[in-house]
């Protein structure tokens, strides 16, 4: 006779997080004060609970007492951990496999995806996101609200000023963007998938770049630059 299936359901009202331990085994998901939790099973047969969110940007909305959370996004099941910012005044999130260099200065609300490689001396401004598999070279300064897509490579001492507004480098597709050493990027710049920015290039305000930008080339304000 086949065994009955385990029934999973969400418990809408659990007043305190420690009450999760008292829930029956057939409960796989629960909610505590607006935060959703999933039951996980350890190798020894025990169980434990981890907060989870549907989108990586939802990590920023979790209360301060949540120290780690699972994101069920493009790469499902990735665990992110909360870190203190370099000035100890705020926090940011990084996937659990990411190694944070001691000299890194990372501001409030930053999210760093799985497989990202960070070098010494980098700075990352508040609200920025670095998606999975990207590499950030030593001494690079990433401004506020910069979005760096998957598998991008950013060289040494690349600068997007801390006062820069909304730079987008790559997106969720897998064609990587490569940015060379000493590149400077201004406000509201978009760098499309598959682009390569050579050493010392300067991309000015509101430019859109797709393709290869040569060494030391200056892309003017609001220019739409396409070169294969």
Protein backbone atom coordinates (compact mmCIF):
# COMPACT_ATOMS: atom_id res chain seq x y z
CA UNK A 1 0.00 0.00 0.00
CA UNK A 2 1.57 3.36 -1.02
CA UNK A 3 2.50 5.82 1.71
CA UNK A 4 0.29 8.92 1.96
CA UNK A 5 1.86 12.09 0.50
CA UNK A 6 3.15 14.75 2.89
CA UNK A 7 0.85 17.76 2.84
CA UNK A 8 2.55 21.16 2.60
CA UNK A 9 0.77 24.34 3.50
CA UNK A 10 1.48 27.86 4.65
CA UNK A 11 0.73 28.84 8.23
CA UNK A 12 -0.52 32.41 8.09
CA UNK A 13 -0.04 33.46 11.68
CA UNK A 14 2.91 32.44 13.82
CA UNK A 15 3.62 35.14 16.36
CA UNK A 16 7.29 34.44 17.11
CA UNK A 17 10.06 32.85 15.08
CA UNK A 18 10.91 30.33 17.79
CA UNK A 19 7.40 28.87 17.43
CA UNK A 20 8.50 27.44 14.07
CA UNK A 21 10.17 24.61 16.00
CA UNK A 22 6.80 23.50 17.33
CA UNK A 23 5.08 23.15 13.97
CA UNK A 24 4.18 19.61 12.85
CA UNK A 25 6.43 17.84 10.33
CA UNK A 26 3.95 18.13 7.46
CA UNK A 27 4.19 21.92 7.51
CA UNK A 28 6.83 22.93 4.96
CA UNK A 29 6.28 26.69 4.86
CA UNK A 30 5.27 29.27 7.44
CA UNK A 31 5.01 33.02 7.89
CA UNK A 32 6.20 35.00 10.90
CA UNK A 33 5.38 38.71 11.13
CA UNK A 34 5.21 38.99 7.35
CA UNK A 35 8.42 37.01 6.69
CA UNK A 36 8.10 33.70 4.85
CA UNK A 37 10.10 30.66 6.01
CA UNK A 38 10.79 27.25 4.45
CA UNK A 39 11.64 24.04 6.27
CA UNK A 40 14.97 22.48 5.28
CA UNK A 41 16.29 19.02 6.08
CA UNK A 42 19.81 18.45 7.35
CA UNK A 43 21.92 15.37 6.44
CA UNK A 44 21.35 13.86 9.89
CA UNK A 45 17.59 13.82 9.34
CA UNK A 46 16.79 16.89 11.41
CA UNK A 47 15.04 20.00 10.14
CA UNK A 48 15.62 23.74 10.36
CA UNK A 49 13.94 26.89 9.04
CA UNK A 50 15.28 29.54 6.64
CA UNK A 51 13.59 32.78 5.58
CA UNK A 52 12.97 33.10 1.86
CA UNK A 53 12.00 35.73 -0.70
CA UNK A 54 10.77 35.42 -4.27
CA UNK A 55 13.08 38.04 -5.81
CA UNK A 56 16.63 39.02 -4.92
CA UNK A 57 15.68 42.69 -4.48
CA UNK A 58 13.20 41.66 -1.76
CA UNK A 59 16.17 40.97 0.52
CA UNK A 60 16.35 44.72 1.15
CA UNK A 61 12.89 44.63 2.73
CA UNK A 62 13.61 41.96 5.32
CA UNK A 63 13.70 43.08 8.98
CA UNK A 64 17.06 43.52 10.67
CA UNK A 65 16.70 40.38 12.78
CA UNK A 66 16.77 38.14 9.65
CA UNK A 67 20.43 37.23 9.11
CA UNK A 68 20.12 34.83 6.18
CA UNK A 69 17.53 34.08 3.52
CA UNK A 70 16.94 31.90 0.49
CA UNK A 71 16.07 33.44 -2.87
CA UNK A 72 13.91 31.42 -5.23
CA UNK A 73 14.95 33.28 -8.39
CA UNK A 74 16.84 32.44 -11.59
CA UNK A 75 19.22 30.27 -9.56
CA UNK A 76 16.81 28.87 -7.01
CA UNK A 77 17.83 27.80 -3.55
CA UNK A 78 20.73 30.25 -3.16
CA UNK A 79 21.29 31.32 0.44
CA UNK A 80 22.25 34.94 1.07
CA UNK A 81 23.74 36.24 4.31
CA UNK A 82 23.50 39.69 5.83
CA UNK A 83 26.79 41.54 6.36
CA UNK A 84 27.59 44.75 8.19
CA UNK A 85 28.66 47.65 5.97
CA UNK A 86 32.23 48.90 6.24
CA UNK A 87 31.17 51.78 8.55
CA UNK A 88 29.03 49.42 10.70
CA UNK A 89 26.02 51.72 10.24
CA UNK A 90 24.00 49.56 7.87
CA UNK A 91 23.90 46.14 6.18
CA UNK A 92 24.10 44.49 2.78
CA UNK A 93 23.53 40.98 1.41
CA UNK A 94 25.92 38.51 -0.27
CA UNK A 95 25.47 34.92 -1.39
CA UNK A 96 27.05 32.54 1.08
CA UNK A 97 29.83 31.47 -1.32
CA UNK A 98 31.10 35.04 -1.83
CA UNK A 99 34.34 35.98 -0.06
CA UNK A 100 34.37 39.60 1.11
CA UNK A 101 37.89 41.14 1.07
CA UNK A 102 38.91 42.85 4.30
CA UNK A 103 39.70 46.09 2.48
CA UNK A 104 36.35 46.26 0.64
CA UNK A 105 34.02 49.17 1.39
CA UNK A 106 30.47 48.06 0.73
CA UNK A 107 27.51 50.32 1.47
CA UNK A 108 23.89 49.87 2.52
CA UNK A 109 21.50 47.72 0.50
CA UNK A 110 24.09 46.20 -1.85
CA UNK A 111 23.26 42.69 -3.11
CA UNK A 112 26.06 40.40 -4.35
CA UNK A 113 25.07 37.22 -6.16
CA UNK A 114 26.56 33.71 -6.10
CA UNK A 115 29.95 33.09 -7.65
CA UNK A 116 30.92 36.78 -7.66
CA UNK A 117 34.65 37.42 -7.21
CA UNK A 118 35.58 40.62 -5.36
CA UNK A 119 39.13 41.99 -5.23
CA UNK A 120 40.92 44.03 -2.59
CA UNK A 121 40.36 47.78 -2.38
CA UNK A 122 36.99 47.87 -4.10
CA UNK A 123 34.14 50.21 -3.15
CA UNK A 124 30.48 49.49 -3.88
CA UNK A 125 27.89 52.24 -3.36
CA UNK A 126 24.49 51.87 -1.76
CA UNK A 127 21.69 50.05 -3.56
CA UNK A 128 23.94 48.45 -6.17
CA UNK A 129 23.50 44.87 -7.38
CA UNK A 130 26.14 42.50 -8.76
CA UNK A 131 24.63 39.39 -10.35
CA UNK A 132 26.04 35.88 -10.35
CA UNK A 133 29.46 35.01 -11.69
CA UNK A 134 30.76 38.56 -12.20
CA UNK A 135 34.34 39.61 -11.35
CA UNK A 136 35.33 43.00 -9.93
CA UNK A 137 38.99 44.00 -10.23
CA UNK A 138 41.15 45.61 -7.53
CA UNK A 139 40.62 49.26 -6.70
CA UNK A 140 37.40 49.55 -8.68
CA UNK A 141 34.78 52.02 -7.42
CA UNK A 142 31.14 51.20 -8.19
CA UNK A 143 28.71 54.04 -7.51
CA UNK A 144 25.22 54.05 -6.03
CA UNK A 145 22.36 52.13 -7.68
CA UNK A 146 24.58 50.44 -10.27
CA UNK A 147 23.29 47.18 -11.73
CA UNK A 148 25.95 44.75 -12.96
CA UNK A 149 24.60 41.73 -14.82
CA UNK A 150 25.65 38.09 -14.89
CA UNK A 151 29.21 37.01 -15.78
CA UNK A 152 30.55 40.54 -16.29
CA UNK A 153 34.28 41.20 -15.90
CA UNK A 154 35.33 44.61 -14.60
CA UNK A 155 39.03 45.40 -14.51
CA UNK A 156 41.29 47.35 -12.17
CA UNK A 157 40.49 50.86 -10.96
CA UNK A 158 37.33 51.26 -13.01
CA UNK A 159 35.34 54.22 -11.64
CA UNK A 160 31.66 55.00 -11.54
CA UNK A 161 31.58 57.99 -9.21
CA UNK A 162 29.78 57.54 -5.88
CA UNK A 163 27.36 60.30 -6.95
CA UNK A 164 26.53 58.52 -10.20
CA UNK A 165 22.88 57.70 -10.85
CA UNK A 166 21.64 54.42 -12.28
CA UNK A 167 24.28 52.69 -14.37
CA UNK A 168 23.27 49.37 -15.97
CA UNK A 169 26.01 46.96 -17.08
CA UNK A 170 24.65 43.84 -18.78
CA UNK A 171 21.42 42.18 -17.70
CA UNK A 172 20.01 38.73 -16.93
CA UNK A 173 21.25 37.16 -20.18
CA UNK A 174 24.52 35.25 -20.19
CA UNK A 175 26.55 37.29 -22.74
CA UNK A 176 29.17 38.79 -20.50
CA UNK A 177 30.34 42.38 -20.46
CA UNK A 178 34.09 43.01 -20.11
CA UNK A 179 35.32 46.37 -18.83
CA UNK A 180 39.05 47.05 -18.90
CA UNK A 181 41.32 48.84 -16.45
CA UNK A 182 40.90 52.52 -15.64
CA UNK A 183 37.53 52.96 -17.35
CA UNK A 184 35.32 55.82 -16.14
CA UNK A 185 31.52 55.64 -16.36
CA UNK A 186 29.17 58.57 -15.73
CA UNK A 187 25.44 58.92 -14.87
CA UNK A 188 22.62 56.87 -16.40
CA UNK A 189 24.89 54.87 -18.71
CA UNK A 190 23.71 51.56 -20.18
CA UNK A 191 26.24 48.99 -21.39
CA UNK A 192 24.58 46.21 -23.36
CA UNK A 193 25.30 42.48 -23.22
CA UNK A 194 28.44 41.26 -24.98
CA UNK A 195 30.13 44.67 -24.94
CA UNK A 196 33.87 45.12 -24.33
CA UNK A 197 35.17 48.41 -22.97
CA UNK A 198 38.94 48.71 -23.44
CA UNK A 199 41.38 50.22 -20.94
CA UNK A 200 41.05 53.91 -20.17
CA UNK A 201 37.78 54.52 -22.02
CA UNK A 202 35.40 57.20 -20.74
CA UNK A 203 31.64 56.80 -21.12
CA UNK A 204 29.79 60.02 -20.39
CA UNK A 205 26.25 60.76 -19.11
CA UNK A 206 23.26 58.89 -20.56
CA UNK A 207 25.27 57.09 -23.24
CA UNK A 208 24.18 53.67 -24.49
CA UNK A 209 26.98 51.32 -25.55
CA UNK A 210 26.75 48.09 -27.52
CA UNK A 211 29.87 46.43 -28.85
CA UNK A 212 33.58 47.21 -28.55
CA UNK A 213 34.85 50.54 -27.23
CA UNK A 214 38.52 51.05 -28.03
CA UNK A 215 41.34 51.94 -25.66
CA UNK A 216 41.03 55.52 -24.40
CA UNK A 217 37.91 56.25 -26.47
CA UNK A 218 35.46 58.85 -25.12
CA UNK A 219 31.77 58.16 -25.65
CA UNK A 220 29.95 61.50 -25.53
CA UNK A 221 26.82 62.40 -23.57
CA UNK A 222 23.61 60.77 -24.85
CA UNK A 223 25.51 59.03 -27.65
CA UNK A 224 24.17 55.71 -28.90
CA UNK A 225 27.37 53.83 -29.69
CA UNK A 226 27.28 50.56 -31.63
CA UNK A 227 30.41 48.85 -32.95
CA UNK A 228 31.13 45.19 -33.50
